[in-house]
PDB file of N, CA and C in Angstrom:
ATOM      1  N   MET A   1      18.447 135.496 128.109  1.00  0.00           N
ATOM      2  CA  MET A   1      19.003 136.824 128.265  1.00  0.00           C
ATOM      3  C   MET A   1      20.424 136.779 128.793  1.00  0.00           C
ATOM      4  N   VAL A   2      20.668 135.951 129.741  1.00  0.00           N
ATOM      5  CA  VAL A   2      21.975 135.815 130.341  1.00  0.00           C
ATOM      6  C   VAL A   2      22.950 135.253 129.289  1.00  0.00           C
ATOM      7  N   ASN A   3      22.498 134.284 128.482  1.00  0.00           N
ATOM      8  CA  ASN A   3      23.304 133.723 127.398  1.00  0.00           C
ATOM      9  C   ASN A   3      23.689 134.762 126.382  1.00  0.00           C
ATOM     10  N   HIS A   4      22.769 135.636 126.092  1.00  0.00           N
ATOM     11  CA  HIS A   4      23.006 136.710 125.100  1.00  0.00           C
ATOM     12  C   HIS A   4      24.083 137.652 125.654  1.00  0.00           C
ATOM     13  N   ILE A   5      24.014 137.969 126.921  1.00  0.00           N
ATOM     14  CA  ILE A   5      25.024 138.856 127.535  1.00  0.00           C
ATOM     15  C   ILE A   5      26.387 138.194 127.540  1.00  0.00           C
ATOM     16  N   ALA A   6      26.441 136.925 127.855  1.00  0.00           N
ATOM     17  CA  ALA A   6      27.706 136.225 127.874  1.00  0.00           C
ATOM     18  C   ALA A   6      28.310 136.208 126.458  1.00  0.00           C
ATOM     19  N   LYS A   7      27.499 135.980 125.475  1.00  0.00           N
ATOM     20  CA  LYS A   7      27.977 135.933 124.068  1.00  0.00           C
ATOM     21  C   LYS A   7      28.537 137.320 123.719  1.00  0.00           C
ATOM     22  N   ARG A   8      27.832 138.356 124.072  1.00  0.00           N
ATOM     23  CA  ARG A   8      28.260 139.676 123.762  1.00  0.00           C
ATOM     24  C   ARG A   8      29.599 140.029 124.452  1.00  0.00           C
ATOM     25  N   ASN A   9      29.744 139.623 125.680  1.00  0.00           N
ATOM     26  CA  ASN A   9      30.974 139.908 126.437  1.00  0.00           C
ATOM     27  C   ASN A   9      32.132 139.101 125.817  1.00  0.00           C
ATOM     28  N   ALA A  10      31.872 137.859 125.437  1.00  0.00           N
ATOM     29  CA  ALA A  10      32.901 137.051 124.774  1.00  0.00           C
ATOM     30  C   ALA A  10      33.326 137.666 123.456  1.00  0.00           C
ATOM     31  N   PHE A  11      32.362 138.183 122.697  1.00  0.00           N
ATOM     32  CA  PHE A  11      32.698 138.819 121.418  1.00  0.00           C
ATOM     33  C   PHE A  11      33.514 140.069 121.698  1.00  0.00           C
ATOM     34  N   ARG A  12      33.213 140.846 122.659  1.00  0.00           N
ATOM     35  CA  ARG A  12      33.992 142.052 122.977  1.00  0.00           C
ATOM     36  C   ARG A  12      35.399 141.720 123.417  1.00  0.00           C
ATOM     37  N   LYS A  13      35.543 140.634 124.189  1.00  0.00           N
ATOM     38  CA  LYS A  13      36.903 140.207 124.570  1.00  0.00           C
ATOM     39  C   LYS A  13      37.701 139.772 123.358  1.00  0.00           C
ATOM     40  N   TRP A  14      37.032 139.032 122.434  1.00  0.00           N
ATOM     41  CA  TRP A  14      37.697 138.596 121.230  1.00  0.00           C
ATOM     42  C   TRP A  14      38.120 139.784 120.371  1.00  0.00           C
ATOM     43  N   ILE A  15      37.268 140.794 120.230  1.00  0.00           N
ATOM     44  CA  ILE A  15      37.612 142.012 119.477  1.00  0.00           C
ATOM     45  C   ILE A  15      38.790 142.746 120.110  1.00  0.00           C
ATOM     46  N   LEU A  16      38.786 142.859 121.421  1.00  0.00           N
ATOM     47  CA  LEU A  16      39.845 143.508 122.171  1.00  0.00           C
ATOM     48  C   LEU A  16      41.171 142.759 121.951  1.00  0.00           C
ATOM     49  N   ILE A  17      41.202 141.450 122.137  1.00  0.00           N
ATOM     50  CA  ILE A  17      42.417 140.645 121.930  1.00  0.00           C
ATOM     51  C   ILE A  17      42.888 140.796 120.467  1.00  0.00           C
ATOM     52  N   PHE A  18      41.974 140.659 119.550  1.00  0.00           N
ATOM     53  CA  PHE A  18      42.327 140.711 118.152  1.00  0.00           C
ATOM     54  C   PHE A  18      42.923 142.066 117.830  1.00  0.00           C
ATOM     55  N   SER A  19      42.380 143.169 118.366  1.00  0.00           N
ATOM     56  CA  SER A  19      42.895 144.480 118.118  1.00  0.00           C
ATOM     57  C   SER A  19      44.273 144.685 118.685  1.00  0.00           C
ATOM     58  N   LEU A  20      44.508 144.091 119.869  1.00  0.00           N
ATOM     59  CA  LEU A  20      45.800 144.200 120.487  1.00  0.00           C
ATOM     60  C   LEU A  20      46.932 143.586 119.651  1.00  0.00           C
ATOM     61  N   PHE A  21      46.593 142.568 118.832  1.00  0.00           N
ATOM     62  CA  PHE A  21      47.551 141.963 117.960  1.00  0.00           C
ATOM     63  C   PHE A  21      47.571 142.616 116.577  1.00  0.00           C
ATOM     64  N   LEU A  22      46.430 142.979 116.073  1.00  0.00           N
ATOM     65  CA  LEU A  22      46.352 143.534 114.757  1.00  0.00           C
ATOM     66  C   LEU A  22      46.968 144.907 114.601  1.00  0.00           C
ATOM     67  N   ILE A  23      46.698 145.793 115.476  1.00  0.00           N
ATOM     68  CA  ILE A  23      47.173 147.159 115.391  1.00  0.00           C
ATOM     69  C   ILE A  23      48.701 147.205 115.402  1.00  0.00           C
ATOM     70  N   PRO A  24      49.357 146.553 116.371  1.00  0.00           N
ATOM     71  CA  PRO A  24      50.838 146.584 116.355  1.00  0.00           C
ATOM     72  C   PRO A  24      51.379 145.929 115.100  1.00  0.00           C
ATOM     73  N   ALA A  25      50.747 144.863 114.687  1.00  0.00           N
ATOM     74  CA  ALA A  25      51.261 144.221 113.436  1.00  0.00           C
ATOM     75  C   ALA A  25      51.194 145.143 112.270  1.00  0.00           C
ATOM     76  N   LEU A  26      50.121 145.872 112.125  1.00  0.00           N
ATOM     77  CA  LEU A  26      49.983 146.796 111.014  1.00  0.00           C
ATOM     78  C   LEU A  26      50.995 147.949 111.132  1.00  0.00           C
ATOM     79  N   LEU A  27      51.222 148.449 112.336  1.00  0.00           N
ATOM     80  CA  LEU A  27      52.222 149.475 112.530  1.00  0.00           C
ATOM     81  C   LEU A  27      53.599 149.027 112.222  1.00  0.00           C
ATOM     82  N   LEU A  28      53.942 147.831 112.637  1.00  0.00           N
ATOM     83  CA  LEU A  28      55.267 147.231 112.354  1.00  0.00           C
ATOM     84  C   LEU A  28      55.461 147.014 110.863  1.00  0.00           C
ATOM     85  N   THR A  29      54.434 146.649 110.205  1.00  0.00           N
ATOM     86  CA  THR A  29      54.522 146.430 108.716  1.00  0.00           C
ATOM     87  C   THR A  29      54.783 147.722 107.996  1.00  0.00           C
ATOM     88  N   ALA A  30      54.097 148.748 108.460  1.00  0.00           N
ATOM     89  CA  ALA A  30      54.302 150.029 107.834  1.00  0.00           C
ATOM     90  C   ALA A  30      55.676 150.596 108.055  1.00  0.00           C
ATOM     91  N   CYS A  31      56.199 150.366 109.296  1.00  0.00           N
ATOM     92  CA  CYS A  31      57.534 150.850 109.648  1.00  0.00           C
ATOM     93  C   CYS A  31      58.625 150.076 108.911  1.00  0.00           C
ATOM     94  N   GLY A  32      58.380 148.835 108.589  1.00  0.00           N
ATOM     95  CA  GLY A  32      59.446 147.977 108.003  1.00  0.00           C
ATOM     96  C   GLY A  32      59.510 148.197 106.480  1.00  0.00           C
ATOM     97  N   ASN A  33      58.654 148.941 105.870  1.00  0.00           N
ATOM     98  CA  ASN A  33      58.618 149.063 104.431  1.00  0.00           C
ATOM     99  C   ASN A  33      59.493 150.248 104.015  1.00  0.00           C
ATOM    100  N   ASN A  34      60.748 149.986 103.579  1.00  0.00           N
ATOM    101  CA  ASN A  34      61.654 151.071 103.170  1.00  0.00           C
ATOM    102  C   ASN A  34      62.216 150.597 101.814  1.00  0.00           C
ATOM    103  N   PRO A  35      61.660 151.161 100.731  1.00  0.00           N
ATOM    104  CA  PRO A  35      62.074 150.737  99.403  1.00  0.00           C
ATOM    105  C   PRO A  35      63.550 150.958  99.094  1.00  0.00           C
ATOM    106  N   ILE A  36      64.169 151.982  99.726  1.00  0.00           N
ATOM    107  CA  ILE A  36      65.614 152.210  99.474  1.00  0.00           C
ATOM    108  C   ILE A  36      66.421 151.110 100.083  1.00  0.00           C
ATOM    109  N   LYS A  37      66.152 150.788 101.366  1.00  0.00           N
ATOM    110  CA  LYS A  37      66.928 149.740 102.025  1.00  0.00           C
ATOM    111  C   LYS A  37      66.649 148.380 101.365  1.00  0.00           C
ATOM    112  N   ASP A  38      65.406 148.136 100.989  1.00  0.00           N
ATOM    113  CA  ASP A  38      65.123 146.868 100.342  1.00  0.00           C
ATOM    114  C   ASP A  38      65.826 146.757  98.991  1.00  0.00           C
ATOM    115  N   GLY A  39      65.808 147.878  98.251  1.00  0.00           N
ATOM    116  CA  GLY A  39      66.459 147.923  96.945  1.00  0.00           C
ATOM    117  C   GLY A  39      67.973 147.783  97.055  1.00  0.00           C
ATOM    118  N   VAL A  40      68.579 148.401  98.022  1.00  0.00           N
ATOM    119  CA  VAL A  40      70.030 148.264  98.286  1.00  0.00           C
ATOM    120  C   VAL A  40      70.374 146.856  98.619  1.00  0.00           C
ATOM    121  N   LYS A  41      69.555 146.217  99.418  1.00  0.00           N
ATOM    122  CA  LYS A  41      69.834 144.841  99.785  1.00  0.00           C
ATOM    123  C   LYS A  41      69.810 143.921  98.574  1.00  0.00           C
ATOM    124  N   GLY A  42      68.860 144.113  97.759  1.00  0.00           N
ATOM    125  CA  GLY A  42      68.776 143.312  96.466  1.00  0.00           C
ATOM    126  C   GLY A  42      69.961 143.520  95.568  1.00  0.00           C
ATOM    127  N   MET A  43      70.358 144.823  95.477  1.00  0.00           N
ATOM    128  CA  MET A  43      71.489 145.117  94.635  1.00  0.00           C
ATOM    129  C   MET A  43      72.794 144.546  95.159  1.00  0.00           C
ATOM    130  N   LYS A  44      72.951 144.525  96.487  1.00  0.00           N
ATOM    131  CA  LYS A  44      74.145 144.017  97.074  1.00  0.00           C
ATOM    132  C   LYS A  44      74.221 142.496  96.832  1.00  0.00           C
ATOM    133  N   GLU A  45      73.113 141.828  96.922  1.00  0.00           N
ATOM    134  CA  GLU A  45      73.073 140.380  96.640  1.00  0.00           C
ATOM    135  C   GLU A  45      73.445 140.147  95.210  1.00  0.00           C
ATOM    136  N   THR A  46      72.946 140.938  94.271  1.00  0.00           N
ATOM    137  CA  THR A  46      73.259 140.774  92.866  1.00  0.00           C
ATOM    138  C   THR A  46      74.746 141.078  92.635  1.00  0.00           C
ATOM    139  N   LEU A  47      75.308 142.092  93.293  1.00  0.00           N
ATOM    140  CA  LEU A  47      76.706 142.401  93.172  1.00  0.00           C
ATOM    141  C   LEU A  47      77.579 141.226  93.608  1.00  0.00           C
ATOM    142  N   ALA A  48      77.174 140.541  94.684  1.00  0.00           N
ATOM    143  CA  ALA A  48      77.927 139.388  95.150  1.00  0.00           C
ATOM    144  C   ALA A  48      77.923 138.305  94.067  1.00  0.00           C
ATOM    145  N   GLU A  49      76.770 138.100  93.444  1.00  0.00           N
ATOM    146  CA  GLU A  49      76.604 137.079  92.345  1.00  0.00           C
ATOM    147  C   GLU A  49      77.482 137.517  91.157  1.00  0.00           C
ATOM    148  N   LEU A  50      77.544 138.836  90.893  1.00  0.00           N
ATOM    149  CA  LEU A  50      78.377 139.311  89.790  1.00  0.00           C
ATOM    150  C   LEU A  50      79.797 139.048  90.000  1.00  0.00           C
ATOM    151  N   ASN A  51      80.289 139.276  91.212  1.00  0.00           N
ATOM    152  CA  ASN A  51      81.691 139.035  91.560  1.00  0.00           C
ATOM    153  C   ASN A  51      82.017 137.542  91.333  1.00  0.00           C
ATOM    154  N   LYS A  52      81.102 136.657  91.718  1.00  0.00           N
ATOM    155  CA  LYS A  52      81.313 135.203  91.552  1.00  0.00           C
ATOM    156  C   LYS A  52      81.381 134.933  90.042  1.00  0.00           C
ATOM    157  N   ALA A  53      80.493 135.513  89.283  1.00  0.00           N
ATOM    158  CA  ALA A  53      80.519 135.254  87.806  1.00  0.00           C
ATOM    159  C   ALA A  53      81.787 135.788  87.180  1.00  0.00           C
ATOM    160  N   LEU A  54      82.279 136.895  87.698  1.00  0.00           N
ATOM    161  CA  LEU A  54      83.565 137.423  87.159  1.00  0.00           C
ATOM    162  C   LEU A  54      84.748 136.475  87.536  1.00  0.00           C
ATOM    163  N   ASP A  55      84.743 135.985  88.721  1.00  0.00           N
ATOM    164  CA  ASP A  55      85.740 135.016  89.169  1.00  0.00           C
ATOM    165  C   ASP A  55      85.801 133.793  88.290  1.00  0.00           C
ATOM    166  N   GLN A  56      84.574 133.407  87.825  1.00  0.00           N
ATOM    167  CA  GLN A  56      84.451 132.187  87.014  1.00  0.00           C
ATOM    168  C   GLN A  56      84.553 132.480  85.546  1.00  0.00           C
ATOM    169  N   ASN A  57      84.737 133.834  85.202  1.00  0.00           N
ATOM    170  CA  ASN A  57      84.814 134.301  83.824  1.00  0.00           C
ATOM    171  C   ASN A  57      83.608 133.876  83.025  1.00  0.00           C
ATOM    172  N   ASP A  58      82.431 133.960  83.680  1.00  0.00           N
ATOM    173  CA  ASP A  58      81.148 133.621  83.014  1.00  0.00           C
ATOM    174  C   ASP A  58      80.489 134.861  82.504  1.00  0.00           C
ATOM    175  N   ALA A  59      80.792 135.148  81.190  1.00  0.00           N
ATOM    176  CA  ALA A  59      80.358 136.368  80.559  1.00  0.00           C
ATOM    177  C   ALA A  59      78.825 136.425  80.453  1.00  0.00           C
ATOM    178  N   ALA A  60      78.210 135.292  80.109  1.00  0.00           N
ATOM    179  CA  ALA A  60      76.746 135.252  79.989  1.00  0.00           C
ATOM    180  C   ALA A  60      76.068 135.606  81.261  1.00  0.00           C
ATOM    181  N   LYS A  61      76.544 135.040  82.372  1.00  0.00           N
ATOM    182  CA  LYS A  61      75.964 135.318  83.721  1.00  0.00           C
ATOM    183  C   LYS A  61      76.212 136.767  84.125  1.00  0.00           C
ATOM    184  N   ALA A  62      77.424 137.252  83.810  1.00  0.00           N
ATOM    185  CA  ALA A  62      77.762 138.657  84.162  1.00  0.00           C
ATOM    186  C   ALA A  62      76.856 139.614  83.385  1.00  0.00           C
ATOM    187  N   LYS A  63      76.570 139.317  82.135  1.00  0.00           N
ATOM    188  CA  LYS A  63      75.720 140.169  81.346  1.00  0.00           C
ATOM    189  C   LYS A  63      74.278 140.163  81.890  1.00  0.00           C
ATOM    190  N   GLU A  64      73.835 139.000  82.298  1.00  0.00           N
ATOM    191  CA  GLU A  64      72.499 138.896  82.895  1.00  0.00           C
ATOM    192  C   GLU A  64      72.424 139.682  84.212  1.00  0.00           C
ATOM    193  N   LEU A  65      73.430 139.557  85.064  1.00  0.00           N
ATOM    194  CA  LEU A  65      73.458 140.221  86.337  1.00  0.00           C
ATOM    195  C   LEU A  65      73.617 141.769  86.171  1.00  0.00           C
ATOM    196  N   GLY A  66      74.285 142.220  85.146  1.00  0.00           N
ATOM    197  CA  GLY A  66      74.389 143.634  84.832  1.00  0.00           C
ATOM    198  C   GLY A  66      73.001 144.205  84.544  1.00  0.00           C
ATOM    199  N   LYS A  67      72.249 143.498  83.768  1.00  0.00           N
ATOM    200  CA  LYS A  67      70.839 143.942  83.496  1.00  0.00           C
ATOM    201  C   LYS A  67      70.018 143.903  84.747  1.00  0.00           C
ATOM    202  N   GLU A  68      70.161 142.887  85.570  1.00  0.00           N
ATOM    203  CA  GLU A  68      69.413 142.715  86.795  1.00  0.00           C
ATOM    204  C   GLU A  68      69.710 143.869  87.767  1.00  0.00           C
ATOM    205  N   LEU A  69      70.980 144.302  87.862  1.00  0.00           N
ATOM    206  CA  LEU A  69      71.322 145.425  88.682  1.00  0.00           C
ATOM    207  C   LEU A  69      70.533 146.692  88.265  1.00  0.00           C
ATOM    208  N   GLU A  70      70.550 146.938  86.982  1.00  0.00           N
ATOM    209  CA  GLU A  70      69.844 148.154  86.429  1.00  0.00           C
ATOM    210  C   GLU A  70      68.372 148.012  86.758  1.00  0.00           C
ATOM    211  N   GLU A  71      67.739 146.879  86.592  1.00  0.00           N
ATOM    212  CA  GLU A  71      66.333 146.733  86.880  1.00  0.00           C
ATOM    213  C   GLU A  71      66.055 146.988  88.332  1.00  0.00           C
ATOM    214  N   LYS A  72      66.853 146.454  89.197  1.00  0.00           N
ATOM    215  CA  LYS A  72      66.677 146.684  90.637  1.00  0.00           C
ATOM    216  C   LYS A  72      66.846 148.170  90.956  1.00  0.00           C
ATOM    217  N   TRP A  73      67.816 148.810  90.381  1.00  0.00           N
ATOM    218  CA  TRP A  73      68.082 150.230  90.622  1.00  0.00           C
ATOM    219  C   TRP A  73      66.873 151.067  90.170  1.00  0.00           C
ATOM    220  N   GLU A  74      66.279 150.744  89.083  1.00  0.00           N
ATOM    221  CA  GLU A  74      65.151 151.450  88.548  1.00  0.00           C
ATOM    222  C   GLU A  74      63.993 151.479  89.525  1.00  0.00           C
ATOM    223  N   GLY A  75      63.887 150.460  90.372  1.00  0.00           N
ATOM    224  CA  GLY A  75      62.854 150.354  91.384  1.00  0.00           C
ATOM    225  C   GLY A  75      62.857 151.396  92.465  1.00  0.00           C
ATOM    226  N   PHE A  76      64.018 151.985  92.696  1.00  0.00           N
ATOM    227  CA  PHE A  76      64.078 152.938  93.802  1.00  0.00           C
ATOM    228  C   PHE A  76      64.994 154.136  93.516  1.00  0.00           C
ATOM    229  N   GLU A  77      65.521 154.272  92.347  1.00  0.00           N
ATOM    230  CA  GLU A  77      66.469 155.307  92.021  1.00  0.00           C
ATOM    231  C   GLU A  77      65.795 156.695  92.179  1.00  0.00           C
ATOM    232  N   ASP A  78      64.550 156.845  91.860  1.00  0.00           N
ATOM    233  CA  ASP A  78      63.892 158.176  91.964  1.00  0.00           C
ATOM    234  C   ASP A  78      63.824 158.636  93.376  1.00  0.00           C
ATOM    235  N   LYS A  79      63.616 157.678  94.301  1.00  0.00           N
ATOM    236  CA  LYS A  79      63.571 158.046  95.703  1.00  0.00           C
ATOM    237  C   LYS A  79      64.949 158.495  96.210  1.00  0.00           C
ATOM    238  N   VAL A  80      65.989 157.812  95.711  1.00  0.00           N
ATOM    239  CA  VAL A  80      67.378 158.189  96.092  1.00  0.00           C
ATOM    240  C   VAL A  80      67.661 159.591  95.539  1.00  0.00           C
ATOM    241  N   LYS A  81      67.249 159.843  94.277  1.00  0.00           N
ATOM    242  CA  LYS A  81      67.509 161.114  93.604  1.00  0.00           C
ATOM    243  C   LYS A  81      66.806 162.253  94.392  1.00  0.00           C
ATOM    244  N   GLU A  82      65.587 161.978  94.877  1.00  0.00           N
ATOM    245  CA  GLU A  82      64.826 162.972  95.636  1.00  0.00           C
ATOM    246  C   GLU A  82      65.588 163.351  96.932  1.00  0.00           C
ATOM    247  N   LYS A  83      66.181 162.335  97.569  1.00  0.00           N
ATOM    248  CA  LYS A  83      66.820 162.566  98.827  1.00  0.00           C
ATOM    249  C   LYS A  83      68.239 163.076  98.771  1.00  0.00           C
ATOM    250  N   SER A  84      68.965 162.616  97.712  1.00  0.00           N
ATOM    251  CA  SER A  84      70.322 163.088  97.577  1.00  0.00           C
ATOM    252  C   SER A  84      70.833 162.892  96.161  1.00  0.00           C
ATOM    253  N   LYS A  85      70.892 164.030  95.419  1.00  0.00           N
ATOM    254  CA  LYS A  85      71.306 163.961  94.028  1.00  0.00           C
ATOM    255  C   LYS A  85      72.808 163.487  93.973  1.00  0.00           C
ATOM    256  N   ASP A  86      73.592 163.870  94.920  1.00  0.00           N
ATOM    257  CA  ASP A  86      75.005 163.497  94.963  1.00  0.00           C
ATOM    258  C   ASP A  86      75.162 161.960  95.095  1.00  0.00           C
ATOM    259  N   LEU A  87      74.415 161.395  96.010  1.00  0.00           N
ATOM    260  CA  LEU A  87      74.553 159.911  96.137  1.00  0.00           C
ATOM    261  C   LEU A  87      73.939 159.229  94.903  1.00  0.00           C
ATOM    262  N   TYR A  88      72.903 159.764  94.359  1.00  0.00           N
ATOM    263  CA  TYR A  88      72.340 159.201  93.129  1.00  0.00           C
ATOM    264  C   TYR A  88      73.434 159.122  92.076  1.00  0.00           C
ATOM    265  N   GLU A  89      74.081 160.240  91.838  1.00  0.00           N
ATOM    266  CA  GLU A  89      75.128 160.263  90.826  1.00  0.00           C
ATOM    267  C   GLU A  89      76.313 159.367  91.153  1.00  0.00           C
ATOM    268  N   LYS A  90      76.600 159.278  92.459  1.00  0.00           N
ATOM    269  CA  LYS A  90      77.693 158.390  92.945  1.00  0.00           C
ATOM    270  C   LYS A  90      77.421 156.944  92.610  1.00  0.00           C
ATOM    271  N   ALA A  91      76.135 156.531  92.683  1.00  0.00           N
ATOM    272  CA  ALA A  91      75.784 155.194  92.388  1.00  0.00           C
ATOM    273  C   ALA A  91      75.637 154.983  90.886  1.00  0.00           C
ATOM    274  N   GLU A  92      75.140 155.995  90.186  1.00  0.00           N
ATOM    275  CA  GLU A  92      74.930 155.827  88.705  1.00  0.00           C
ATOM    276  C   GLU A  92      76.212 155.616  87.948  1.00  0.00           C
ATOM    277  N   GLY A  93      77.302 156.300  88.345  1.00  0.00           N
ATOM    278  CA  GLY A  93      78.561 156.151  87.628  1.00  0.00           C
ATOM    279  C   GLY A  93      79.059 154.743  87.545  1.00  0.00           C
ATOM    280  N   PRO A  94      79.305 154.038  88.631  1.00  0.00           N
ATOM    281  CA  PRO A  94      79.764 152.667  88.571  1.00  0.00           C
ATOM    282  C   PRO A  94      78.724 151.700  87.993  1.00  0.00           C
ATOM    283  N   LEU A  95      77.459 152.009  88.196  1.00  0.00           N
ATOM    284  CA  LEU A  95      76.393 151.167  87.622  1.00  0.00           C
ATOM    285  C   LEU A  95      76.462 151.211  86.111  1.00  0.00           C
ATOM    286  N   LYS A  96      76.628 152.379  85.531  1.00  0.00           N
ATOM    287  CA  LYS A  96      76.737 152.523  84.091  1.00  0.00           C
ATOM    288  C   LYS A  96      78.044 151.840  83.592  1.00  0.00           C
ATOM    289  N   ALA A  97      79.105 151.914  84.294  1.00  0.00           N
ATOM    290  CA  ALA A  97      80.346 151.227  83.931  1.00  0.00           C
ATOM    291  C   ALA A  97      80.135 149.709  83.901  1.00  0.00           C
ATOM    292  N   ILE A  98      79.361 149.213  84.869  1.00  0.00           N
ATOM    293  CA  ILE A  98      79.109 147.778  84.904  1.00  0.00           C
ATOM    294  C   ILE A  98      78.210 147.384  83.697  1.00  0.00           C
ATOM    295  N   GLU A  99      77.170 148.173  83.452  1.00  0.00           N
ATOM    296  CA  GLU A  99      76.279 147.851  82.358  1.00  0.00           C
ATOM    297  C   GLU A  99      77.050 147.811  81.023  1.00  0.00           C
ATOM    298  N   ALA A 100      77.908 148.802  80.830  1.00  0.00           N
ATOM    299  CA  ALA A 100      78.733 148.823  79.607  1.00  0.00           C
ATOM    300  C   ALA A 100      79.805 147.707  79.551  1.00  0.00           C
ATOM    301  N   GLY A 101      80.411 147.470  80.692  1.00  0.00           N
ATOM    302  CA  GLY A 101      81.445 146.539  80.790  1.00  0.00           C
ATOM    303  C   GLY A 101      81.053 145.054  80.557  1.00  0.00           C
ATOM    304  N   VAL A 102      79.847 144.730  80.972  1.00  0.00           N
ATOM    305  CA  VAL A 102      79.384 143.349  80.756  1.00  0.00           C
ATOM    306  C   VAL A 102      79.045 143.047  79.309  1.00  0.00           C
ATOM    307  N   GLU A 103      78.942 144.114  78.492  1.00  0.00           N
ATOM    308  CA  GLU A 103      78.676 143.936  77.076  1.00  0.00           C
ATOM    309  C   GLU A 103      79.949 143.711  76.231  1.00  0.00           C
ATOM    310  N   VAL A 104      81.090 143.995  76.854  1.00  0.00           N
ATOM    311  CA  VAL A 104      82.357 143.908  76.158  1.00  0.00           C
ATOM    312  C   VAL A 104      82.878 142.467  76.200  1.00  0.00           C
ATOM    313  N   SER A 105      83.439 142.020  75.055  1.00  0.00           N
ATOM    314  CA  SER A 105      84.028 140.710  75.006  1.00  0.00           C
ATOM    315  C   SER A 105      85.503 140.809  74.576  1.00  0.00           C
ATOM    316  N   PRO A 106      86.391 140.254  75.244  1.00  0.00           N
ATOM    317  CA  PRO A 106      86.273 139.573  76.549  1.00  0.00           C
ATOM    318  C   PRO A 106      86.063 140.482  77.685  1.00  0.00           C
ATOM    319  N   LEU A 107      85.505 139.924  78.777  1.00  0.00           N
ATOM    320  CA  LEU A 107      85.258 140.734  79.979  1.00  0.00           C
ATOM    321  C   LEU A 107      86.559 141.240  80.589  1.00  0.00           C
ATOM    322  N   ASP A 108      86.518 142.517  81.007  1.00  0.00           N
ATOM    323  CA  ASP A 108      87.627 143.082  81.741  1.00  0.00           C
ATOM    324  C   ASP A 108      87.256 142.938  83.204  1.00  0.00           C
ATOM    325  N   ALA A 109      87.542 141.753  83.798  1.00  0.00           N
ATOM    326  CA  ALA A 109      87.154 141.472  85.172  1.00  0.00           C
ATOM    327  C   ALA A 109      87.661 142.470  86.185  1.00  0.00           C
ATOM    328  N   LYS A 110      88.873 142.899  85.945  1.00  0.00           N
ATOM    329  CA  LYS A 110      89.495 143.868  86.939  1.00  0.00           C
ATOM    330  C   LYS A 110      88.689 145.137  86.941  1.00  0.00           C
ATOM    331  N   ALA A 111      88.374 145.682  85.746  1.00  0.00           N
ATOM    332  CA  ALA A 111      87.618 146.979  85.666  1.00  0.00           C
ATOM    333  C   ALA A 111      86.190 146.759  86.269  1.00  0.00           C
ATOM    334  N   LEU A 112      85.555 145.624  85.930  1.00  0.00           N
ATOM    335  CA  LEU A 112      84.218 145.353  86.440  1.00  0.00           C
ATOM    336  C   LEU A 112      84.191 145.199  87.920  1.00  0.00           C
ATOM    337  N   LYS A 113      85.245 144.534  88.455  1.00  0.00           N
ATOM    338  CA  LYS A 113      85.301 144.375  89.935  1.00  0.00           C
ATOM    339  C   LYS A 113      85.524 145.726  90.641  1.00  0.00           C
ATOM    340  N   GLN A 114      86.296 146.578  90.015  1.00  0.00           N
ATOM    341  CA  GLN A 114      86.529 147.926  90.532  1.00  0.00           C
ATOM    342  C   GLN A 114      85.182 148.686  90.544  1.00  0.00           C
ATOM    343  N   ALA A 115      84.466 148.640  89.460  1.00  0.00           N
ATOM    344  CA  ALA A 115      83.191 149.319  89.391  1.00  0.00           C
ATOM    345  C   ALA A 115      82.230 148.743  90.419  1.00  0.00           C
ATOM    346  N   ALA A 116      82.239 147.390  90.557  1.00  0.00           N
ATOM    347  CA  ALA A 116      81.340 146.772  91.561  1.00  0.00           C
ATOM    348  C   ALA A 116      81.717 147.202  92.991  1.00  0.00           C
ATOM    349  N   ALA A 117      82.946 147.383  93.269  1.00  0.00           N
ATOM    350  CA  ALA A 117      83.405 147.871  94.588  1.00  0.00           C
ATOM    351  C   ALA A 117      82.948 149.309  94.869  1.00  0.00           C
ATOM    352  N   GLU A 118      83.054 150.095  93.798  1.00  0.00           N
ATOM    353  CA  GLU A 118      82.638 151.493  93.935  1.00  0.00           C
ATOM    354  C   GLU A 118      81.104 151.577  94.085  1.00  0.00           C
ATOM    355  N   LEU A 119      80.382 150.730  93.373  1.00  0.00           N
ATOM    356  CA  LEU A 119      78.921 150.702  93.510  1.00  0.00           C
ATOM    357  C   LEU A 119      78.518 150.196  94.890  1.00  0.00           C
ATOM    358  N   GLU A 120      79.239 149.245  95.430  1.00  0.00           N
ATOM    359  CA  GLU A 120      78.897 148.733  96.743  1.00  0.00           C
ATOM    360  C   GLU A 120      79.150 149.814  97.778  1.00  0.00           C
ATOM    361  N   GLN A 121      80.217 150.584  97.637  1.00  0.00           N
ATOM    362  CA  GLN A 121      80.506 151.672  98.580  1.00  0.00           C
ATOM    363  C   GLN A 121      79.380 152.762  98.466  1.00  0.00           C
ATOM    364  N   ALA A 122      79.012 153.054  97.267  1.00  0.00           N
ATOM    365  CA  ALA A 122      77.946 154.086  97.036  1.00  0.00           C
ATOM    366  C   ALA A 122      76.664 153.568  97.703  1.00  0.00           C
ATOM    367  N   LEU A 123      76.344 152.296  97.480  1.00  0.00           N
ATOM    368  CA  LEU A 123      75.095 151.695  98.025  1.00  0.00           C
ATOM    369  C   LEU A 123      75.062 151.717  99.573  1.00  0.00           C
ATOM    370  N   ALA A 124      76.306 151.563 100.154  1.00  0.00           N
ATOM    371  CA  ALA A 124      76.365 151.600 101.667  1.00  0.00           C
ATOM    372  C   ALA A 124      75.922 152.987 102.133  1.00  0.00           C
ATOM    373  N   GLU A 125      76.274 154.013 101.369  1.00  0.00           N
ATOM    374  CA  GLU A 125      75.881 155.383 101.735  1.00  0.00           C
ATOM    375  C   GLU A 125      74.364 155.568 101.466  1.00  0.00           C
ATOM    376  N   VAL A 126      73.949 155.105 100.328  1.00  0.00           N
ATOM    377  CA  VAL A 126      72.532 155.222  99.934  1.00  0.00           C
ATOM    378  C   VAL A 126      71.624 154.571 100.952  1.00  0.00           C
ATOM    379  N   GLU A 127      72.093 153.421 101.477  1.00  0.00           N
ATOM    380  CA  GLU A 127      71.296 152.661 102.442  1.00  0.00           C
ATOM    381  C   GLU A 127      70.940 153.488 103.666  1.00  0.00           C
ATOM    382  N   LYS A 128      71.767 154.475 103.985  1.00  0.00           N
ATOM    383  CA  LYS A 128      71.579 155.321 105.197  1.00  0.00           C
ATOM    384  C   LYS A 128      70.570 156.371 104.995  1.00  0.00           C
ATOM    385  N   LEU A 129      70.115 156.601 103.794  1.00  0.00           N
ATOM    386  CA  LEU A 129      69.075 157.638 103.540  1.00  0.00           C
ATOM    387  C   LEU A 129      67.776 157.350 104.249  1.00  0.00           C
TER     388      LEU A 129
END
């Protein structure tokens, strides 16, 4: 009987300790999930790669990165549009210019870098949503 009570008390302590770690971990996970910020981060990384490709005049890589930017944008653009139609349009303009610009041969690196800078600026504002 005493052994049974000790086991039950040990189990209760284990559940209490486990709960103290599990509940905050779940809350932090839920708080850290922001698709807009995550999407912006990914797009900024791709923009940095695009600028490198433009510096190296690598048209194939630039074309690939232009498509990648659009794919990343598609992952969270509706959420941006819901929160701010103006910022959505501000990001769409340079993104479309990049998409079209990477298809042109030879690349107009100056125009593409300008569009990338405008997109980066728009993304900085979008990130604050």
